[in-house]
Amino acid sequence: MSEKQVNPSAQGWGVAAFIIVLAIVSNVAAYSIHKATYLKPDKAPATASAEH
């Protein structure tokens, strides 16, 4: 047995920080893709208006 005490609250913060940063980046990417590609339901599709 090791005599070194383990502090459970001191481990895993790097992984937790990485997951939080990954979640923030994913949300920003999803929002930017949404803003670039979303068409409002009442707006005519671009292909339909180009054919007329």
PDB file of N, CA and C in Angstrom:
ATOM      1  N   MET A   1       0.831  -1.182   0.000  1.00  0.00           N
ATOM      2  CA  MET A   1       0.000   0.000   0.000  1.00  0.00           C
ATOM      3  C   MET A   1       0.875   1.246   0.000  1.00  0.00           C
ATOM      4  N   SER A   2       0.421   2.231  -0.708  1.00  0.00           N
ATOM      5  CA  SER A   2       1.124   3.501  -0.749  1.00  0.00           C
ATOM      6  C   SER A   2       0.668   4.383   0.400  1.00  0.00           C
ATOM      7  N   GLU A   3       1.598   5.109   0.978  1.00  0.00           N
ATOM      8  CA  GLU A   3       1.245   6.014   2.073  1.00  0.00           C
ATOM      9  C   GLU A   3       0.818   7.381   1.557  1.00  0.00           C
ATOM     10  N   LYS A   4       0.932   7.592   0.253  1.00  0.00           N
ATOM     11  CA  LYS A   4       0.548   8.867  -0.345  1.00  0.00           C
ATOM     12  C   LYS A   4      -0.975   8.983  -0.361  1.00  0.00           C
ATOM     13  N   GLN A   5      -1.495  10.076   0.163  1.00  0.00           N
ATOM     14  CA  GLN A   5      -2.934  10.283   0.174  1.00  0.00           C
ATOM     15  C   GLN A   5      -3.382  10.796  -1.193  1.00  0.00           C
ATOM     16  N   VAL A   6      -4.555  10.353  -1.592  1.00  0.00           N
ATOM     17  CA  VAL A   6      -5.122  10.773  -2.868  1.00  0.00           C
ATOM     18  C   VAL A   6      -6.250  11.753  -2.593  1.00  0.00           C
ATOM     19  N   ASN A   7      -6.189  12.895  -3.247  1.00  0.00           N
ATOM     20  CA  ASN A   7      -7.249  13.893  -3.145  1.00  0.00           C
ATOM     21  C   ASN A   7      -8.138  13.754  -4.380  1.00  0.00           C
ATOM     22  N   PRO A   8      -9.317  13.150  -4.256  1.00  0.00           N
ATOM     23  CA  PRO A   8     -10.152  12.905  -5.430  1.00  0.00           C
ATOM     24  C   PRO A   8     -10.590  14.174  -6.149  1.00  0.00           C
ATOM     25  N   SER A   9     -10.690  15.278  -5.449  1.00  0.00           N
ATOM     26  CA  SER A   9     -11.145  16.497  -6.103  1.00  0.00           C
ATOM     27  C   SER A   9     -10.035  17.178  -6.897  1.00  0.00           C
ATOM     28  N   ALA A  10      -8.813  16.678  -6.835  1.00  0.00           N
ATOM     29  CA  ALA A  10      -7.703  17.307  -7.545  1.00  0.00           C
ATOM     30  C   ALA A  10      -7.424  16.640  -8.888  1.00  0.00           C
ATOM     31  N   GLN A  11      -8.149  15.579  -9.197  1.00  0.00           N
ATOM     32  CA  GLN A  11      -7.894  14.850 -10.439  1.00  0.00           C
ATOM     33  C   GLN A  11      -9.048  15.043 -11.413  1.00  0.00           C
ATOM     34  N   GLY A  12      -8.730  15.028 -12.711  1.00  0.00           N
ATOM     35  CA  GLY A  12      -9.765  15.073 -13.725  1.00  0.00           C
ATOM     36  C   GLY A  12     -10.155  16.458 -14.199  1.00  0.00           C
ATOM     37  N   TRP A  13      -9.546  17.498 -13.640  1.00  0.00           N
ATOM     38  CA  TRP A  13      -9.937  18.846 -14.057  1.00  0.00           C
ATOM     39  C   TRP A  13      -9.527  19.147 -15.491  1.00  0.00           C
ATOM     40  N   GLY A  14      -8.431  18.575 -15.946  1.00  0.00           N
ATOM     41  CA  GLY A  14      -8.018  18.784 -17.330  1.00  0.00           C
ATOM     42  C   GLY A  14      -9.012  18.190 -18.312  1.00  0.00           C
ATOM     43  N   VAL A  15      -9.479  16.982 -18.002  1.00  0.00           N
ATOM     44  CA  VAL A  15     -10.471  16.337 -18.865  1.00  0.00           C
ATOM     45  C   VAL A  15     -11.785  17.107 -18.825  1.00  0.00           C
ATOM     46  N   ALA A  16     -12.197  17.553 -17.657  1.00  0.00           N
ATOM     47  CA  ALA A  16     -13.436  18.327 -17.529  1.00  0.00           C
ATOM     48  C   ALA A  16     -13.347  19.631 -18.314  1.00  0.00           C
ATOM     49  N   ALA A  17     -12.225  20.313 -18.219  1.00  0.00           N
ATOM     50  CA  ALA A  17     -12.039  21.562 -18.961  1.00  0.00           C
ATOM     51  C   ALA A  17     -12.060  21.311 -20.465  1.00  0.00           C
ATOM     52  N   PHE A  18     -11.443  20.217 -20.904  1.00  0.00           N
ATOM     53  CA  PHE A  18     -11.440  19.875 -22.325  1.00  0.00           C
ATOM     54  C   PHE A  18     -12.858  19.625 -22.824  1.00  0.00           C
ATOM     55  N   ILE A  19     -13.658  18.911 -22.058  1.00  0.00           N
ATOM     56  CA  ILE A  19     -15.033  18.618 -22.469  1.00  0.00           C
ATOM     57  C   ILE A  19     -15.868  19.893 -22.524  1.00  0.00           C
ATOM     58  N   ILE A  20     -15.672  20.795 -21.580  1.00  0.00           N
ATOM     59  CA  ILE A  20     -16.398  22.063 -21.582  1.00  0.00           C
ATOM     60  C   ILE A  20     -16.024  22.896 -22.800  1.00  0.00           C
ATOM     61  N   VAL A  21     -14.728  22.979 -23.099  1.00  0.00           N
ATOM     62  CA  VAL A  21     -14.279  23.725 -24.276  1.00  0.00           C
ATOM     63  C   VAL A  21     -14.824  23.081 -25.548  1.00  0.00           C
ATOM     64  N   LEU A  22     -14.805  21.761 -25.619  1.00  0.00           N
ATOM     65  CA  LEU A  22     -15.337  21.054 -26.780  1.00  0.00           C
ATOM     66  C   LEU A  22     -16.827  21.340 -26.955  1.00  0.00           C
ATOM     67  N   ALA A  23     -17.588  21.385 -25.873  1.00  0.00           N
ATOM     68  CA  ALA A  23     -19.015  21.682 -25.949  1.00  0.00           C
ATOM     69  C   ALA A  23     -19.259  23.109 -26.438  1.00  0.00           C
ATOM     70  N   ILE A  24     -18.463  24.057 -25.962  1.00  0.00           N
ATOM     71  CA  ILE A  24     -18.617  25.452 -26.395  1.00  0.00           C
ATOM     72  C   ILE A  24     -18.302  25.590 -27.875  1.00  0.00           C
ATOM     73  N   VAL A  25     -17.213  24.975 -28.321  1.00  0.00           N
ATOM     74  CA  VAL A  25     -16.828  25.037 -29.734  1.00  0.00           C
ATOM     75  C   VAL A  25     -17.898  24.387 -30.607  1.00  0.00           C
ATOM     76  N   SER A  26     -18.445  23.258 -30.158  1.00  0.00           N
ATOM     77  CA  SER A  26     -19.490  22.578 -30.925  1.00  0.00           C
ATOM     78  C   SER A  26     -20.734  23.446 -31.047  1.00  0.00           C
ATOM     79  N   ASN A  27     -21.123  24.111 -29.969  1.00  0.00           N
ATOM     80  CA  ASN A  27     -22.294  24.983 -30.018  1.00  0.00           C
ATOM     81  C   ASN A  27     -22.078  26.175 -30.941  1.00  0.00           C
ATOM     82  N   VAL A  28     -20.909  26.766 -30.903  1.00  0.00           N
ATOM     83  CA  VAL A  28     -20.615  27.902 -31.785  1.00  0.00           C
ATOM     84  C   VAL A  28     -20.621  27.448 -33.240  1.00  0.00           C
ATOM     85  N   ALA A  29     -20.043  26.293 -33.525  1.00  0.00           N
ATOM     86  CA  ALA A  29     -20.027  25.776 -34.898  1.00  0.00           C
ATOM     87  C   ALA A  29     -21.443  25.476 -35.380  1.00  0.00           C
ATOM     88  N   ALA A  30     -22.252  24.844 -34.552  1.00  0.00           N
ATOM     89  CA  ALA A  30     -23.627  24.525 -34.937  1.00  0.00           C
ATOM     90  C   ALA A  30     -24.435  25.798 -35.175  1.00  0.00           C
ATOM     91  N   TYR A  31     -24.247  26.800 -34.342  1.00  0.00           N
ATOM     92  CA  TYR A  31     -24.966  28.063 -34.515  1.00  0.00           C
ATOM     93  C   TYR A  31     -24.553  28.764 -35.805  1.00  0.00           C
ATOM     94  N   SER A  32     -23.264  28.769 -36.106  1.00  0.00           N
ATOM     95  CA  SER A  32     -22.810  29.443 -37.323  1.00  0.00           C
ATOM     96  C   SER A  32     -23.284  28.706 -38.573  1.00  0.00           C
ATOM     97  N   ILE A  33     -23.308  27.386 -38.536  1.00  0.00           N
ATOM     98  CA  ILE A  33     -23.836  26.613 -39.672  1.00  0.00           C
ATOM     99  C   ILE A  33     -25.336  26.881 -39.822  1.00  0.00           C
ATOM    100  N   HIS A  34     -26.044  26.939 -38.710  1.00  0.00           N
ATOM    101  CA  HIS A  34     -27.484  27.218 -38.737  1.00  0.00           C
ATOM    102  C   HIS A  34     -27.750  28.587 -39.354  1.00  0.00           C
ATOM    103  N   LYS A  35     -27.014  29.595 -38.921  1.00  0.00           N
ATOM    104  CA  LYS A  35     -27.219  30.939 -39.448  1.00  0.00           C
ATOM    105  C   LYS A  35     -26.897  31.022 -40.935  1.00  0.00           C
ATOM    106  N   ALA A  36     -25.933  30.233 -41.407  1.00  0.00           N
ATOM    107  CA  ALA A  36     -25.521  30.294 -42.809  1.00  0.00           C
ATOM    108  C   ALA A  36     -26.469  29.513 -43.723  1.00  0.00           C
ATOM    109  N   THR A  37     -27.174  28.523 -43.194  1.00  0.00           N
ATOM    110  CA  THR A  37     -27.948  27.644 -44.070  1.00  0.00           C
ATOM    111  C   THR A  37     -29.450  27.662 -43.831  1.00  0.00           C
ATOM    112  N   TYR A  38     -29.926  28.295 -42.776  1.00  0.00           N
ATOM    113  CA  TYR A  38     -31.352  28.243 -42.451  1.00  0.00           C
ATOM    114  C   TYR A  38     -32.155  29.123 -43.384  1.00  0.00           C
ATOM    115  N   LEU A  39     -33.236  28.563 -43.910  1.00  0.00           N
ATOM    116  CA  LEU A  39     -34.188  29.337 -44.696  1.00  0.00           C
ATOM    117  C   LEU A  39     -35.490  29.393 -43.927  1.00  0.00           C
ATOM    118  N   LYS A  40     -36.079  30.568 -43.852  1.00  0.00           N
ATOM    119  CA  LYS A  40     -37.354  30.707 -43.151  1.00  0.00           C
ATOM    120  C   LYS A  40     -38.432  29.944 -43.926  1.00  0.00           C
ATOM    121  N   PRO A  41     -39.408  29.379 -43.226  1.00  0.00           N
ATOM    122  CA  PRO A  41     -40.437  28.578 -43.893  1.00  0.00           C
ATOM    123  C   PRO A  41     -41.238  29.351 -44.943  1.00  0.00           C
ATOM    124  N   ASP A  42     -41.425  30.642 -44.782  1.00  0.00           N
ATOM    125  CA  ASP A  42     -42.219  31.405 -45.752  1.00  0.00           C
ATOM    126  C   ASP A  42     -41.392  31.886 -46.946  1.00  0.00           C
ATOM    127  N   LYS A  43     -40.096  31.647 -46.928  1.00  0.00           N
ATOM    128  CA  LYS A  43     -39.232  32.082 -48.024  1.00  0.00           C
ATOM    129  C   LYS A  43     -39.223  31.021 -49.125  1.00  0.00           C
ATOM    130  N   ALA A  44     -39.347  31.451 -50.379  1.00  0.00           N
ATOM    131  CA  ALA A  44     -39.344  30.500 -51.496  1.00  0.00           C
ATOM    132  C   ALA A  44     -37.957  29.910 -51.655  1.00  0.00           C
ATOM    133  N   PRO A  45     -37.880  28.631 -51.976  1.00  0.00           N
ATOM    134  CA  PRO A  45     -36.558  28.017 -52.201  1.00  0.00           C
ATOM    135  C   PRO A  45     -35.830  28.693 -53.358  1.00  0.00           C
ATOM    136  N   ALA A  46     -34.531  28.749 -53.275  1.00  0.00           N
ATOM    137  CA  ALA A  46     -33.720  29.429 -54.301  1.00  0.00           C
ATOM    138  C   ALA A  46     -33.854  28.727 -55.642  1.00  0.00           C
ATOM    139  N   THR A  47     -33.941  27.415 -55.660  1.00  0.00           N
ATOM    140  CA  THR A  47     -34.043  26.693 -56.937  1.00  0.00           C
ATOM    141  C   THR A  47     -35.381  26.949 -57.611  1.00  0.00           C
ATOM    142  N   ALA A  48     -36.450  27.061 -56.845  1.00  0.00           N
ATOM    143  CA  ALA A  48     -37.783  27.300 -57.443  1.00  0.00           C
ATOM    144  C   ALA A  48     -37.871  28.693 -58.049  1.00  0.00           C
ATOM    145  N   SER A  49     -37.291  29.701 -57.414  1.00  0.00           N
ATOM    146  CA  SER A  49     -37.370  31.054 -57.939  1.00  0.00           C
ATOM    147  C   SER A  49     -36.447  31.232 -59.145  1.00  0.00           C
ATOM    148  N   ALA A  50     -35.389  30.459 -59.255  1.00  0.00           N
ATOM    149  CA  ALA A  50     -34.465  30.570 -60.384  1.00  0.00           C
ATOM    150  C   ALA A  50     -35.053  29.947 -61.649  1.00  0.00           C
ATOM    151  N   GLU A  51     -35.952  28.969 -61.496  1.00  0.00           N
ATOM    152  CA  GLU A  51     -36.523  28.292 -62.655  1.00  0.00           C
ATOM    153  C   GLU A  51     -37.601  29.127 -63.313  1.00  0.00           C
ATOM    154  N   HIS A  52     -38.249  30.032 -62.591  1.00  0.00           N
ATOM    155  CA  HIS A  52     -39.370  30.798 -63.137  1.00  0.00           C
ATOM    156  C   HIS A  52     -38.926  31.973 -63.916  1.00  0.00           C
TER     157      HIS A  52
END
